PDB file of N, CA and C in Angstrom:
ATOM      1  N   UNK A   1      77.595 154.611  78.483  1.00  0.00           N
ATOM      2  CA  UNK A   1      78.410 153.611  77.822  1.00  0.00           C
ATOM      3  C   UNK A   1      79.759 153.568  78.528  1.00  0.00           C
ATOM      4  N   UNK A   2      80.252 152.384  78.759  1.00  0.00           N
ATOM      5  CA  UNK A   2      81.527 152.191  79.439  1.00  0.00           C
ATOM      6  C   UNK A   2      82.657 152.038  78.433  1.00  0.00           C
ATOM      7  N   UNK A   3      83.803 152.566  78.789  1.00  0.00           N
ATOM      8  CA  UNK A   3      85.022 152.333  78.019  1.00  0.00           C
ATOM      9  C   UNK A   3      85.778 151.189  78.674  1.00  0.00           C
ATOM     10  N   UNK A   4      86.378 150.336  77.846  1.00  0.00           N
ATOM     11  CA  UNK A   4      87.192 149.250  78.373  1.00  0.00           C
ATOM     12  C   UNK A   4      88.552 149.302  77.700  1.00  0.00           C
ATOM     13  N   UNK A   5      89.530 148.750  78.362  1.00  0.00           N
ATOM     14  CA  UNK A   5      90.882 148.676  77.815  1.00  0.00           C
ATOM     15  C   UNK A   5      91.238 147.211  77.659  1.00  0.00           C
ATOM     16  N   UNK A   6      91.713 146.850  76.468  1.00  0.00           N
ATOM     17  CA  UNK A   6      92.157 145.485  76.237  1.00  0.00           C
ATOM     18  C   UNK A   6      93.570 145.520  75.671  1.00  0.00           C
ATOM     19  N   UNK A   7      94.279 144.441  75.822  1.00  0.00           N
ATOM     20  CA  UNK A   7      95.632 144.332  75.276  1.00  0.00           C
ATOM     21  C   UNK A   7      95.649 143.243  74.217  1.00  0.00           C
ATOM     22  N   UNK A   8      96.202 143.587  73.064  1.00  0.00           N
ATOM     23  CA  UNK A   8      96.368 142.612  71.977  1.00  0.00           C
ATOM     24  C   UNK A   8      97.745 142.822  71.366  1.00  0.00           C
ATOM     25  N   UNK A   9      98.231 141.791  70.740  1.00  0.00           N
ATOM     26  CA  UNK A   9      99.510 141.859  70.053  1.00  0.00           C
ATOM     27  C   UNK A   9      99.453 142.936  68.962  1.00  0.00           C
ATOM     28  N   UNK A  10     100.539 143.662  68.749  1.00  0.00           N
ATOM     29  CA  UNK A  10     100.583 144.733  67.751  1.00  0.00           C
ATOM     30  C   UNK A  10     100.175 144.247  66.362  1.00  0.00           C
ATOM     31  N   UNK A  11     100.649 143.073  65.989  1.00  0.00           N
ATOM     32  CA  UNK A  11     100.334 142.568  64.646  1.00  0.00           C
ATOM     33  C   UNK A  11      98.846 142.258  64.517  1.00  0.00           C
ATOM     34  N   UNK A  12      98.239 141.755  65.584  1.00  0.00           N
ATOM     35  CA  UNK A  12      96.798 141.483  65.568  1.00  0.00           C
ATOM     36  C   UNK A  12      96.037 142.795  65.424  1.00  0.00           C
ATOM     37  N   UNK A  13      96.450 143.805  66.167  1.00  0.00           N
ATOM     38  CA  UNK A  13      95.772 145.099  66.091  1.00  0.00           C
ATOM     39  C   UNK A  13      95.870 145.698  64.695  1.00  0.00           C
ATOM     40  N   UNK A  14      97.064 145.654  64.100  1.00  0.00           N
ATOM     41  CA  UNK A  14      97.238 146.206  62.744  1.00  0.00           C
ATOM     42  C   UNK A  14      96.331 145.501  61.753  1.00  0.00           C
ATOM     43  N   UNK A  15      96.285 144.177  61.819  1.00  0.00           N
ATOM     44  CA  UNK A  15      95.427 143.423  60.904  1.00  0.00           C
ATOM     45  C   UNK A  15      93.945 143.725  61.157  1.00  0.00           C
ATOM     46  N   UNK A  16      93.573 143.816  62.417  1.00  0.00           N
ATOM     47  CA  UNK A  16      92.182 144.113  62.758  1.00  0.00           C
ATOM     48  C   UNK A  16      91.793 145.508  62.284  1.00  0.00           C
ATOM     49  N   UNK A  17      92.688 146.457  62.475  1.00  0.00           N
ATOM     50  CA  UNK A  17      92.414 147.829  62.032  1.00  0.00           C
ATOM     51  C   UNK A  17      92.245 147.904  60.522  1.00  0.00           C
ATOM     52  N   UNK A  18      93.107 147.179  59.790  1.00  0.00           N
ATOM     53  CA  UNK A  18      93.005 147.160  58.329  1.00  0.00           C
ATOM     54  C   UNK A  18      91.699 146.513  57.888  1.00  0.00           C
ATOM     55  N   UNK A  19      91.355 145.372  58.503  1.00  0.00           N
ATOM     56  CA  UNK A  19      90.116 144.692  58.136  1.00  0.00           C
ATOM     57  C   UNK A  19      88.897 145.557  58.469  1.00  0.00           C
ATOM     58  N   UNK A  20      88.911 146.212  59.615  1.00  0.00           N
ATOM     59  CA  UNK A  20      87.805 147.091  59.992  1.00  0.00           C
ATOM     60  C   UNK A  20      87.668 148.236  58.989  1.00  0.00           C
ATOM     61  N   UNK A  21      88.783 148.819  58.586  1.00  0.00           N
ATOM     62  CA  UNK A  21      88.743 149.899  57.598  1.00  0.00           C
ATOM     63  C   UNK A  21      88.189 149.394  56.269  1.00  0.00           C
ATOM     64  N   UNK A  22      88.581 148.192  55.875  1.00  0.00           N
ATOM     65  CA  UNK A  22      88.057 147.607  54.643  1.00  0.00           C
ATOM     66  C   UNK A  22      86.547 147.419  54.701  1.00  0.00           C
ATOM     67  N   UNK A  23      86.030 147.201  55.907  1.00  0.00           N
ATOM     68  CA  UNK A  23      84.592 147.008  56.104  1.00  0.00           C
ATOM     69  C   UNK A  23      83.883 148.299  56.522  1.00  0.00           C
ATOM     70  N   UNK A  24      84.599 149.425  56.404  1.00  0.00           N
ATOM     71  CA  UNK A  24      84.048 150.745  56.722  1.00  0.00           C
ATOM     72  C   UNK A  24      83.497 150.808  58.151  1.00  0.00           C
ATOM     73  N   UNK A  25      84.276 150.289  59.088  1.00  0.00           N
ATOM     74  CA  UNK A  25      83.904 150.335  60.503  1.00  0.00           C
ATOM     75  C   UNK A  25      85.166 150.579  61.318  1.00  0.00           C
ATOM     76  N   UNK A  26      85.079 150.412  62.613  1.00  0.00           N
ATOM     77  CA  UNK A  26      86.244 150.596  63.484  1.00  0.00           C
ATOM     78  C   UNK A  26      86.468 149.335  64.310  1.00  0.00           C
ATOM     79  N   UNK A  27      87.670 149.200  64.836  1.00  0.00           N
ATOM     80  CA  UNK A  27      87.968 148.071  65.717  1.00  0.00           C
ATOM     81  C   UNK A  27      87.065 148.148  66.948  1.00  0.00           C
ATOM     82  N   UNK A  28      86.853 149.339  67.445  1.00  0.00           N
ATOM     83  CA  UNK A  28      85.989 149.520  68.604  1.00  0.00           C
ATOM     84  C   UNK A  28      84.577 148.999  68.325  1.00  0.00           C
ATOM     85  N   UNK A  29      84.030 149.323  67.155  1.00  0.00           N
ATOM     86  CA  UNK A  29      82.683 148.867  66.790  1.00  0.00           C
ATOM     87  C   UNK A  29      82.649 147.351  66.619  1.00  0.00           C
ATOM     88  N   UNK A  30      83.708 146.772  66.052  1.00  0.00           N
ATOM     89  CA  UNK A  30      83.782 145.316  65.897  1.00  0.00           C
ATOM     90  C   UNK A  30      83.756 144.649  67.267  1.00  0.00           C
ATOM     91  N   UNK A  31      84.539 145.177  68.206  1.00  0.00           N
ATOM     92  CA  UNK A  31      84.573 144.618  69.557  1.00  0.00           C
ATOM     93  C   UNK A  31      83.208 144.799  70.222  1.00  0.00           C
ATOM     94  N   UNK A  32      82.586 145.950  70.031  1.00  0.00           N
ATOM     95  CA  UNK A  32      81.263 146.194  70.610  1.00  0.00           C
ATOM     96  C   UNK A  32      80.249 145.181  70.078  1.00  0.00           C
ATOM     97  N   UNK A  33      80.231 144.951  68.763  1.00  0.00           N
ATOM     98  CA  UNK A  33      79.302 143.971  68.183  1.00  0.00           C
ATOM     99  C   UNK A  33      79.582 142.576  68.707  1.00  0.00           C
ATOM    100  N   UNK A  34      80.865 142.223  68.840  1.00  0.00           N
ATOM    101  CA  UNK A  34      81.220 140.909  69.378  1.00  0.00           C
ATOM    102  C   UNK A  34      80.673 140.749  70.793  1.00  0.00           C
ATOM    103  N   UNK A  35      80.891 141.754  71.635  1.00  0.00           N
ATOM    104  CA  UNK A  35      80.436 141.661  73.017  1.00  0.00           C
ATOM    105  C   UNK A  35      78.913 141.595  73.104  1.00  0.00           C
ATOM    106  N   UNK A  36      78.217 142.344  72.240  1.00  0.00           N
ATOM    107  CA  UNK A  36      76.753 142.266  72.207  1.00  0.00           C
ATOM    108  C   UNK A  36      76.308 140.852  71.844  1.00  0.00           C
ATOM    109  N   UNK A  37      76.960 140.279  70.844  1.00  0.00           N
ATOM    110  CA  UNK A  37      76.627 138.912  70.430  1.00  0.00           C
ATOM    111  C   UNK A  37      76.937 137.934  71.556  1.00  0.00           C
ATOM    112  N   UNK A  38      78.103 138.056  72.124  1.00  0.00           N
ATOM    113  CA  UNK A  38      78.557 137.150  73.176  1.00  0.00           C
ATOM    114  C   UNK A  38      77.649 137.234  74.404  1.00  0.00           C
ATOM    115  N   UNK A  39      77.165 138.454  74.703  1.00  0.00           N
ATOM    116  CA  UNK A  39      76.287 138.655  75.855  1.00  0.00           C
ATOM    117  C   UNK A  39      74.843 138.255  75.556  1.00  0.00           C
ATOM    118  N   UNK A  40      74.558 137.928  74.302  1.00  0.00           N
ATOM    119  CA  UNK A  40      73.218 137.487  73.936  1.00  0.00           C
ATOM    120  C   UNK A  40      72.267 138.609  73.578  1.00  0.00           C
ATOM    121  N   UNK A  41      72.784 139.829  73.395  1.00  0.00           N
ATOM    122  CA  UNK A  41      71.916 140.955  73.089  1.00  0.00           C
ATOM    123  C   UNK A  41      71.468 140.989  71.633  1.00  0.00           C
ATOM    124  N   UNK A  42      72.052 140.164  70.788  1.00  0.00           N
ATOM    125  CA  UNK A  42      71.625 140.142  69.396  1.00  0.00           C
ATOM    126  C   UNK A  42      70.724 138.949  69.096  1.00  0.00           C
ATOM    127  N   UNK A  43      70.300 138.268  70.156  1.00  0.00           N
ATOM    128  CA  UNK A  43      69.375 137.152  69.998  1.00  0.00           C
ATOM    129  C   UNK A  43      68.089 137.682  69.361  1.00  0.00           C
ATOM    130  N   UNK A  44      67.648 137.054  68.293  1.00  0.00           N
ATOM    131  CA  UNK A  44      66.483 137.522  67.536  1.00  0.00           C
ATOM    132  C   UNK A  44      65.239 137.653  68.428  1.00  0.00           C
ATOM    133  N   UNK A  45      65.015 136.697  69.292  1.00  0.00           N
ATOM    134  CA  UNK A  45      63.842 136.751  70.168  1.00  0.00           C
ATOM    135  C   UNK A  45      63.942 137.921  71.136  1.00  0.00           C
ATOM    136  N   UNK A  46      65.137 138.178  71.645  1.00  0.00           N
ATOM    137  CA  UNK A  46      65.337 139.300  72.561  1.00  0.00           C
ATOM    138  C   UNK A  46      65.099 140.620  71.827  1.00  0.00           C
ATOM    139  N   UNK A  47      65.635 140.732  70.615  1.00  0.00           N
ATOM    140  CA  UNK A  47      65.449 141.957  69.841  1.00  0.00           C
ATOM    141  C   UNK A  47      63.985 142.176  69.493  1.00  0.00           C
ATOM    142  N   UNK A  48      63.287 141.102  69.129  1.00  0.00           N
ATOM    143  CA  UNK A  48      61.870 141.219  68.797  1.00  0.00           C
ATOM    144  C   UNK A  48      61.070 141.656  70.017  1.00  0.00           C
ATOM    145  N   UNK A  49      61.374 141.108  71.167  1.00  0.00           N
ATOM    146  CA  UNK A  49      60.673 141.489  72.400  1.00  0.00           C
ATOM    147  C   UNK A  49      60.915 142.960  72.726  1.00  0.00           C
ATOM    148  N   UNK A  50      62.152 143.423  72.542  1.00  0.00           N
ATOM    149  CA  UNK A  50      62.463 144.834  72.801  1.00  0.00           C
ATOM    150  C   UNK A  50      61.700 145.734  71.841  1.00  0.00           C
ATOM    151  N   UNK A  51      61.628 145.338  70.567  1.00  0.00           N
ATOM    152  CA  UNK A  51      60.918 146.128  69.570  1.00  0.00           C
ATOM    153  C   UNK A  51      59.422 146.174  69.866  1.00  0.00           C
ATOM    154  N   UNK A  52      58.841 145.042  70.222  1.00  0.00           N
ATOM    155  CA  UNK A  52      57.423 145.008  70.564  1.00  0.00           C
ATOM    156  C   UNK A  52      57.132 145.887  71.782  1.00  0.00           C
ATOM    157  N   UNK A  53      58.043 145.884  72.755  1.00  0.00           N
ATOM    158  CA  UNK A  53      57.873 146.730  73.935  1.00  0.00           C
ATOM    159  C   UNK A  53      57.913 148.207  73.540  1.00  0.00           C
ATOM    160  N   UNK A  54      58.835 148.576  72.647  1.00  0.00           N
ATOM    161  CA  UNK A  54      58.911 149.963  72.186  1.00  0.00           C
ATOM    162  C   UNK A  54      57.639 150.382  71.464  1.00  0.00           C
ATOM    163  N   UNK A  55      57.103 149.500  70.598  1.00  0.00           N
ATOM    164  CA  UNK A  55      55.858 149.807  69.892  1.00  0.00           C
ATOM    165  C   UNK A  55      54.703 149.974  70.871  1.00  0.00           C
ATOM    166  N   UNK A  56      54.612 149.084  71.852  1.00  0.00           N
ATOM    167  CA  UNK A  56      53.537 149.167  72.840  1.00  0.00           C
ATOM    168  C   UNK A  56      53.635 150.467  73.629  1.00  0.00           C
ATOM    169  N   UNK A  57      54.845 150.851  74.028  1.00  0.00           N
ATOM    170  CA  UNK A  57      55.036 152.098  74.768  1.00  0.00           C
ATOM    171  C   UNK A  57      54.655 153.301  73.908  1.00  0.00           C
ATOM    172  N   UNK A  58      55.010 153.265  72.634  1.00  0.00           N
ATOM    173  CA  UNK A  58      54.670 154.366  71.729  1.00  0.00           C
ATOM    174  C   UNK A  58      53.165 154.462  71.542  1.00  0.00           C
ATOM    175  N   UNK A  59      52.483 153.315  71.419  1.00  0.00           N
ATOM    176  CA  UNK A  59      51.028 153.326  71.268  1.00  0.00           C
ATOM    177  C   UNK A  59      50.364 153.966  72.473  1.00  0.00           C
ATOM    178  N   UNK A  60      50.781 153.583  73.664  1.00  0.00           N
ATOM    179  CA  UNK A  60      50.186 154.128  74.884  1.00  0.00           C
ATOM    180  C   UNK A  60      50.490 155.619  75.000  1.00  0.00           C
ATOM    181  N   UNK A  61      51.730 155.987  74.704  1.00  0.00           N
ATOM    182  CA  UNK A  61      52.154 157.380  74.845  1.00  0.00           C
ATOM    183  C   UNK A  61      51.433 158.294  73.862  1.00  0.00           C
ATOM    184  N   UNK A  62      51.251 157.854  72.617  1.00  0.00           N
ATOM    185  CA  UNK A  62      50.734 158.729  71.562  1.00  0.00           C
ATOM    186  C   UNK A  62      49.239 158.591  71.306  1.00  0.00           C
ATOM    187  N   UNK A  63      48.583 157.678  71.992  1.00  0.00           N
ATOM    188  CA  UNK A  63      47.181 157.386  71.697  1.00  0.00           C
ATOM    189  C   UNK A  63      46.287 158.621  71.769  1.00  0.00           C
ATOM    190  N   UNK A  64      46.469 159.465  72.764  1.00  0.00           N
ATOM    191  CA  UNK A  64      45.573 160.611  72.962  1.00  0.00           C
ATOM    192  C   UNK A  64      46.148 161.923  72.456  1.00  0.00           C
ATOM    193  N   UNK A  65      47.231 161.876  71.722  1.00  0.00           N
ATOM    194  CA  UNK A  65      47.852 163.095  71.214  1.00  0.00           C
ATOM    195  C   UNK A  65      47.318 163.376  69.812  1.00  0.00           C
ATOM    196  N   UNK A  66      46.775 164.583  69.618  1.00  0.00           N
ATOM    197  CA  UNK A  66      46.260 164.963  68.303  1.00  0.00           C
ATOM    198  C   UNK A  66      47.380 164.907  67.272  1.00  0.00           C
ATOM    199  N   UNK A  67      47.065 164.406  66.103  1.00  0.00           N
ATOM    200  CA  UNK A  67      47.992 164.298  64.979  1.00  0.00           C
ATOM    201  C   UNK A  67      49.186 163.383  65.280  1.00  0.00           C
ATOM    202  N   UNK A  68      48.987 162.419  66.168  1.00  0.00           N
ATOM    203  CA  UNK A  68      50.070 161.469  66.427  1.00  0.00           C
ATOM    204  C   UNK A  68      50.161 160.492  65.268  1.00  0.00           C
ATOM    205  N   UNK A  69      51.138 159.641  65.328  1.00  0.00           N
ATOM    206  CA  UNK A  69      51.367 158.696  64.236  1.00  0.00           C
ATOM    207  C   UNK A  69      50.535 157.427  64.358  1.00  0.00           C
ATOM    208  N   UNK A  70      49.550 157.402  65.184  1.00  0.00           N
ATOM    209  CA  UNK A  70      48.720 156.210  65.257  1.00  0.00           C
ATOM    210  C   UNK A  70      48.236 155.975  66.658  1.00  0.00           C
ATOM    211  N   UNK A  71      47.637 154.866  66.933  1.00  0.00           N
ATOM    212  CA  UNK A  71      47.352 153.789  65.991  1.00  0.00           C
ATOM    213  C   UNK A  71      46.179 154.132  65.076  1.00  0.00           C
ATOM    214  N   UNK A  72      46.196 153.578  63.886  1.00  0.00           N
ATOM    215  CA  UNK A  72      45.177 153.814  62.889  1.00  0.00           C
ATOM    216  C   UNK A  72      44.368 152.550  62.665  1.00  0.00           C
ATOM    217  N   UNK A  73      43.120 152.737  62.314  1.00  0.00           N
ATOM    218  CA  UNK A  73      42.305 151.583  61.931  1.00  0.00           C
ATOM    219  C   UNK A  73      42.644 151.225  60.486  1.00  0.00           C
ATOM    220  N   UNK A  74      42.260 150.043  60.077  1.00  0.00           N
ATOM    221  CA  UNK A  74      42.493 149.610  58.699  1.00  0.00           C
ATOM    222  C   UNK A  74      41.844 150.583  57.715  1.00  0.00           C
ATOM    223  N   UNK A  75      40.643 151.033  58.043  1.00  0.00           N
ATOM    224  CA  UNK A  75      39.921 151.961  57.169  1.00  0.00           C
ATOM    225  C   UNK A  75      40.679 153.281  57.017  1.00  0.00           C
ATOM    226  N   UNK A  76      41.234 153.766  58.134  1.00  0.00           N
ATOM    227  CA  UNK A  76      42.000 155.015  58.070  1.00  0.00           C
ATOM    228  C   UNK A  76      43.255 154.853  57.222  1.00  0.00           C
ATOM    229  N   UNK A  77      43.899 153.709  57.325  1.00  0.00           N
ATOM    230  CA  UNK A  77      45.129 153.477  56.569  1.00  0.00           C
ATOM    231  C   UNK A  77      44.882 153.439  55.065  1.00  0.00           C
ATOM    232  N   UNK A  78      43.738 152.897  54.671  1.00  0.00           N
ATOM    233  CA  UNK A  78      43.467 152.728  53.246  1.00  0.00           C
ATOM    234  C   UNK A  78      42.500 153.762  52.677  1.00  0.00           C
ATOM    235  N   UNK A  79      42.029 154.695  53.474  1.00  0.00           N
ATOM    236  CA  UNK A  79      41.031 155.668  53.023  1.00  0.00           C
ATOM    237  C   UNK A  79      41.505 156.450  51.811  1.00  0.00           C
ATOM    238  N   UNK A  80      42.723 156.937  51.836  1.00  0.00           N
ATOM    239  CA  UNK A  80      43.224 157.729  50.711  1.00  0.00           C
ATOM    240  C   UNK A  80      43.259 156.900  49.430  1.00  0.00           C
ATOM    241  N   UNK A  81      43.715 155.677  49.518  1.00  0.00           N
ATOM    242  CA  UNK A  81      43.780 154.811  48.343  1.00  0.00           C
ATOM    243  C   UNK A  81      42.391 154.464  47.839  1.00  0.00           C
ATOM    244  N   UNK A  82      41.468 154.222  48.744  1.00  0.00           N
ATOM    245  CA  UNK A  82      40.121 153.847  48.339  1.00  0.00           C
ATOM    246  C   UNK A  82      39.410 155.007  47.652  1.00  0.00           C
ATOM    247  N   UNK A  83      39.732 156.247  48.040  1.00  0.00           N
ATOM    248  CA  UNK A  83      39.113 157.418  47.428  1.00  0.00           C
ATOM    249  C   UNK A  83      39.520 157.574  45.971  1.00  0.00           C
ATOM    250  N   UNK A  84      40.618 156.965  45.559  1.00  0.00           N
ATOM    251  CA  UNK A  84      41.080 157.088  44.166  1.00  0.00           C
ATOM    252  C   UNK A  84      40.264 156.263  43.197  1.00  0.00           C
ATOM    253  N   UNK A  85      39.558 155.267  43.720  1.00  0.00           N
ATOM    254  CA  UNK A  85      38.821 154.355  42.852  1.00  0.00           C
ATOM    255  C   UNK A  85      37.325 154.546  43.026  1.00  0.00           C
ATOM    256  N   UNK A  86      36.580 154.567  41.888  1.00  0.00           N
ATOM    257  CA  UNK A  86      35.125 154.738  41.994  1.00  0.00           C
ATOM    258  C   UNK A  86      34.430 153.512  42.543  1.00  0.00           C
TER     259      UNK A  86
END
């Protein structure tokens, strides 16, 4: 992660710091979220694609590992629930 230095008027900084504190965050985090939005990293389609890629990588990585978290068949997912009913 890179650090950046910006210059803002003292009064703007004081107001931003107060507003950030009111929102239980920091000025640094507010600027980080702004830059992510501005750079297009919060685009819903981009985020969905990243999430799908992570799931696909996890499936490939964990497929042959005993006691991994999946993938499970529908029958495996519902087996415990189905056993409760005659």
